[in-house]
């Protein structure tokens, strides 16, 4: 429906509903079906959904300094390739 509204009006649109996988959200944006993707259930279940999606798609996120040490092993560039020194 978002694509129909976007094509008819030229207004920016948001796709929402049953979007659960990062690849699905990315495909909606890349194909031009919508300008934005909104998540509800996925974010309620996992508030870090955007971080997991970024990791899965090979992207980076801006994380507050307090979270820097929580970057998962093997995802060294998720938070922008931070280099943390030893204590």
N, C-alpha and C. Protein backbone atom coordinates (compact mmCIF):
# COMPACT_ATOMS: atom_id res chain seq x y z
N UNK A 1 0.82 -1.18 0.00
CA UNK A 1 0.00 0.00 0.00
C UNK A 1 0.87 1.26 0.00
N UNK A 2 2.00 1.22 0.71
CA UNK A 2 2.87 2.39 0.76
C UNK A 2 3.36 2.77 -0.63
N UNK A 3 3.66 1.77 -1.44
CA UNK A 3 4.14 2.04 -2.79
C UNK A 3 3.06 2.73 -3.63
N UNK A 4 1.82 2.30 -3.51
CA UNK A 4 0.72 2.93 -4.27
C UNK A 4 0.55 4.38 -3.87
N UNK A 5 0.60 4.65 -2.57
CA UNK A 5 0.45 6.03 -2.09
C UNK A 5 1.62 6.87 -2.57
N UNK A 6 2.81 6.31 -2.49
CA UNK A 6 4.02 7.03 -2.92
C UNK A 6 3.94 7.38 -4.39
N UNK A 7 3.53 6.42 -5.23
CA UNK A 7 3.44 6.66 -6.67
C UNK A 7 2.32 7.63 -7.03
N UNK A 8 1.21 7.57 -6.31
CA UNK A 8 0.06 8.43 -6.60
C UNK A 8 0.26 9.88 -6.16
N UNK A 9 0.93 10.06 -5.03
CA UNK A 9 1.03 11.40 -4.45
C UNK A 9 2.42 12.01 -4.51
N UNK A 10 3.44 11.16 -4.59
CA UNK A 10 4.80 11.67 -4.55
C UNK A 10 5.27 11.98 -3.14
N UNK A 11 4.43 11.68 -2.16
CA UNK A 11 4.79 11.94 -0.76
C UNK A 11 5.66 10.82 -0.22
N UNK A 12 6.54 11.12 0.73
CA UNK A 12 7.31 10.07 1.39
C UNK A 12 6.35 9.13 2.14
N UNK A 13 6.64 7.85 2.09
CA UNK A 13 5.77 6.88 2.75
C UNK A 13 6.57 5.96 3.67
N UNK A 14 5.84 5.33 4.58
CA UNK A 14 6.43 4.41 5.54
C UNK A 14 5.73 3.06 5.39
N UNK A 15 6.51 2.01 5.20
CA UNK A 15 5.97 0.65 5.15
C UNK A 15 5.97 0.10 6.57
N UNK A 16 4.88 -0.55 6.95
CA UNK A 16 4.77 -1.10 8.29
C UNK A 16 3.92 -2.37 8.24
N UNK A 17 4.23 -3.30 9.12
CA UNK A 17 3.41 -4.50 9.23
C UNK A 17 4.14 -5.75 8.77
N UNK A 18 4.37 -6.65 9.69
CA UNK A 18 4.98 -7.95 9.43
C UNK A 18 6.36 -7.85 8.78
N UNK A 19 7.08 -6.80 9.06
CA UNK A 19 8.46 -6.68 8.61
C UNK A 19 9.31 -7.19 9.76
N UNK A 20 9.94 -8.34 9.56
CA UNK A 20 10.64 -8.99 10.67
C UNK A 20 12.13 -9.19 10.44
N UNK A 21 12.55 -9.22 9.19
CA UNK A 21 13.95 -9.51 8.87
C UNK A 21 14.64 -8.29 8.28
N UNK A 22 15.91 -8.09 8.62
CA UNK A 22 16.65 -6.95 8.08
C UNK A 22 16.67 -6.93 6.55
N UNK A 23 16.82 -8.09 5.93
CA UNK A 23 16.86 -8.16 4.47
C UNK A 23 15.53 -7.69 3.86
N UNK A 24 14.44 -8.01 4.52
CA UNK A 24 13.12 -7.60 4.06
C UNK A 24 13.00 -6.08 4.12
N UNK A 25 13.41 -5.48 5.22
CA UNK A 25 13.36 -4.03 5.36
C UNK A 25 14.25 -3.34 4.31
N UNK A 26 15.43 -3.87 4.13
CA UNK A 26 16.36 -3.30 3.15
C UNK A 26 15.78 -3.40 1.73
N UNK A 27 15.17 -4.52 1.39
CA UNK A 27 14.58 -4.70 0.06
C UNK A 27 13.46 -3.72 -0.20
N UNK A 28 12.66 -3.42 0.81
CA UNK A 28 11.57 -2.45 0.66
C UNK A 28 12.12 -1.08 0.31
N UNK A 29 13.16 -0.67 1.00
CA UNK A 29 13.77 0.65 0.75
C UNK A 29 14.47 0.66 -0.61
N UNK A 30 15.27 -0.35 -0.88
CA UNK A 30 16.04 -0.38 -2.13
C UNK A 30 15.16 -0.46 -3.37
N UNK A 31 14.02 -1.14 -3.28
CA UNK A 31 13.14 -1.29 -4.44
C UNK A 31 12.26 -0.06 -4.64
N UNK A 32 12.25 0.86 -3.68
CA UNK A 32 11.43 2.06 -3.81
C UNK A 32 9.98 1.86 -3.42
N UNK A 33 9.69 0.75 -2.75
CA UNK A 33 8.31 0.51 -2.30
C UNK A 33 7.90 1.51 -1.23
N UNK A 34 8.85 2.00 -0.47
CA UNK A 34 8.59 2.98 0.58
C UNK A 34 9.89 3.73 0.86
N UNK A 35 9.76 4.87 1.52
CA UNK A 35 10.93 5.66 1.87
C UNK A 35 11.50 5.29 3.24
N UNK A 36 10.63 4.77 4.09
CA UNK A 36 11.01 4.38 5.44
C UNK A 36 10.35 3.06 5.79
N UNK A 37 10.89 2.40 6.79
CA UNK A 37 10.31 1.17 7.32
C UNK A 37 10.08 1.38 8.81
N UNK A 38 8.89 1.01 9.27
CA UNK A 38 8.57 1.12 10.69
C UNK A 38 8.42 -0.28 11.28
N UNK A 39 8.93 -0.46 12.47
CA UNK A 39 8.85 -1.75 13.15
C UNK A 39 8.12 -1.55 14.47
N UNK A 40 7.31 -2.51 14.84
CA UNK A 40 6.63 -2.43 16.12
C UNK A 40 6.92 -3.69 16.93
N UNK A 41 6.34 -4.81 16.53
CA UNK A 41 6.52 -6.04 17.30
C UNK A 41 7.99 -6.44 17.42
N UNK A 42 8.72 -6.31 16.33
CA UNK A 42 10.14 -6.66 16.36
C UNK A 42 10.91 -5.85 17.37
N UNK A 43 10.59 -4.56 17.48
CA UNK A 43 11.28 -3.70 18.44
C UNK A 43 10.82 -3.96 19.88
N UNK A 44 9.55 -4.32 20.05
CA UNK A 44 9.09 -4.67 21.39
C UNK A 44 9.77 -5.93 21.89
N UNK A 45 9.93 -6.88 20.99
CA UNK A 45 10.57 -8.15 21.36
C UNK A 45 12.07 -7.96 21.57
N UNK A 46 12.70 -7.16 20.72
CA UNK A 46 14.15 -6.98 20.78
C UNK A 46 14.50 -5.51 20.55
N UNK A 47 14.62 -4.73 21.61
CA UNK A 47 14.92 -3.30 21.46
C UNK A 47 16.22 -3.02 20.71
N UNK A 48 17.09 -3.99 20.59
CA UNK A 48 18.35 -3.81 19.85
C UNK A 48 18.23 -4.32 18.40
N UNK A 49 17.01 -4.46 17.90
CA UNK A 49 16.79 -4.95 16.55
C UNK A 49 17.63 -4.17 15.52
N UNK A 50 17.67 -2.85 15.58
CA UNK A 50 18.48 -2.12 14.58
C UNK A 50 19.96 -2.49 14.63
N UNK A 51 20.50 -2.75 15.83
CA UNK A 51 21.91 -3.13 15.94
C UNK A 51 22.13 -4.50 15.31
N UNK A 52 21.22 -5.42 15.58
CA UNK A 52 21.34 -6.77 15.02
C UNK A 52 21.19 -6.72 13.50
N UNK A 53 20.28 -5.88 13.02
CA UNK A 53 20.09 -5.74 11.57
C UNK A 53 21.35 -5.16 10.93
N UNK A 54 21.92 -4.14 11.55
CA UNK A 54 23.15 -3.54 11.01
C UNK A 54 24.27 -4.58 10.96
N UNK A 55 24.40 -5.37 12.00
CA UNK A 55 25.44 -6.40 12.02
C UNK A 55 25.22 -7.42 10.91
N UNK A 56 23.97 -7.83 10.73
CA UNK A 56 23.65 -8.83 9.72
C UNK A 56 23.88 -8.31 8.30
N UNK A 57 23.66 -7.00 8.10
CA UNK A 57 23.80 -6.40 6.78
C UNK A 57 25.17 -5.78 6.55
N UNK A 58 26.05 -5.88 7.55
CA UNK A 58 27.40 -5.36 7.40
C UNK A 58 27.50 -3.85 7.53
N UNK A 59 26.57 -3.25 8.21
CA UNK A 59 26.56 -1.80 8.41
C UNK A 59 27.13 -1.44 9.79
N UNK A 60 27.16 -0.16 10.09
CA UNK A 60 27.65 0.31 11.38
C UNK A 60 26.56 1.13 12.07
N UNK A 61 26.66 1.21 13.39
CA UNK A 61 25.73 2.03 14.18
C UNK A 61 26.53 2.96 15.07
N UNK A 62 25.90 4.03 15.48
CA UNK A 62 26.52 4.93 16.46
C UNK A 62 26.01 4.50 17.83
N UNK A 63 26.90 4.11 18.65
CA UNK A 63 26.53 3.64 19.99
C UNK A 63 27.10 4.60 21.03
N UNK A 64 26.35 4.85 22.09
CA UNK A 64 26.89 5.66 23.17
C UNK A 64 28.13 4.99 23.76
N UNK A 65 29.02 5.80 24.28
CA UNK A 65 30.29 5.30 24.81
C UNK A 65 30.09 4.18 25.83
N UNK A 66 29.02 4.25 26.61
CA UNK A 66 28.76 3.24 27.63
C UNK A 66 28.60 1.84 27.03
N UNK A 67 28.22 1.76 25.76
CA UNK A 67 27.97 0.48 25.11
C UNK A 67 29.18 -0.06 24.36
N UNK A 68 30.22 0.72 24.22
CA UNK A 68 31.36 0.32 23.40
C UNK A 68 31.92 -1.04 23.78
N UNK A 69 32.01 -1.32 25.07
CA UNK A 69 32.58 -2.61 25.49
C UNK A 69 31.61 -3.77 25.30
N UNK A 70 30.38 -3.49 24.91
CA UNK A 70 29.41 -4.56 24.69
C UNK A 70 29.41 -5.06 23.25
N UNK A 71 30.24 -4.46 22.40
CA UNK A 71 30.29 -4.87 20.99
C UNK A 71 30.65 -6.36 20.92
N UNK A 72 29.82 -7.15 20.24
CA UNK A 72 30.07 -8.59 20.18
C UNK A 72 31.40 -8.93 19.50
N UNK A 73 32.02 -9.96 20.00
CA UNK A 73 33.27 -10.43 19.39
C UNK A 73 32.97 -10.87 17.96
N UNK A 74 33.83 -10.54 17.05
CA UNK A 74 33.63 -10.89 15.66
C UNK A 74 32.90 -9.82 14.86
N UNK A 75 32.36 -8.82 15.54
CA UNK A 75 31.70 -7.71 14.86
C UNK A 75 32.45 -6.42 15.18
N UNK A 76 33.75 -6.45 15.00
CA UNK A 76 34.63 -5.37 15.40
C UNK A 76 34.35 -4.02 14.78
N UNK A 77 33.57 -3.96 13.71
CA UNK A 77 33.31 -2.67 13.08
C UNK A 77 31.86 -2.23 13.25
N UNK A 78 31.07 -2.96 14.02
CA UNK A 78 29.67 -2.60 14.22
C UNK A 78 29.53 -1.20 14.80
N UNK A 79 30.38 -0.86 15.75
CA UNK A 79 30.33 0.45 16.37
C UNK A 79 31.34 1.40 15.75
N UNK A 80 31.69 1.17 14.51
CA UNK A 80 32.59 2.08 13.80
C UNK A 80 34.05 1.74 13.92
N UNK A 81 34.39 0.52 14.22
CA UNK A 81 35.80 0.12 14.29
C UNK A 81 36.54 0.74 15.46
N UNK A 82 35.89 0.81 16.60
CA UNK A 82 36.52 1.38 17.80
C UNK A 82 37.73 0.56 18.22
N UNK A 83 38.67 1.22 18.80
CA UNK A 83 39.83 0.52 19.37
C UNK A 83 39.86 0.87 20.85
N UNK A 84 39.62 -0.13 21.67
CA UNK A 84 39.62 0.10 23.11
C UNK A 84 40.93 -0.37 23.71
N UNK A 85 41.51 0.46 24.53
CA UNK A 85 42.75 0.09 25.20
C UNK A 85 42.50 -0.80 26.40
N UNK A 86 43.57 -1.39 26.89
CA UNK A 86 43.44 -2.22 28.08
C UNK A 86 43.36 -1.33 29.31
N UNK A 87 42.79 -1.88 30.34
CA UNK A 87 42.70 -1.12 31.60
C UNK A 87 43.99 -1.16 32.34
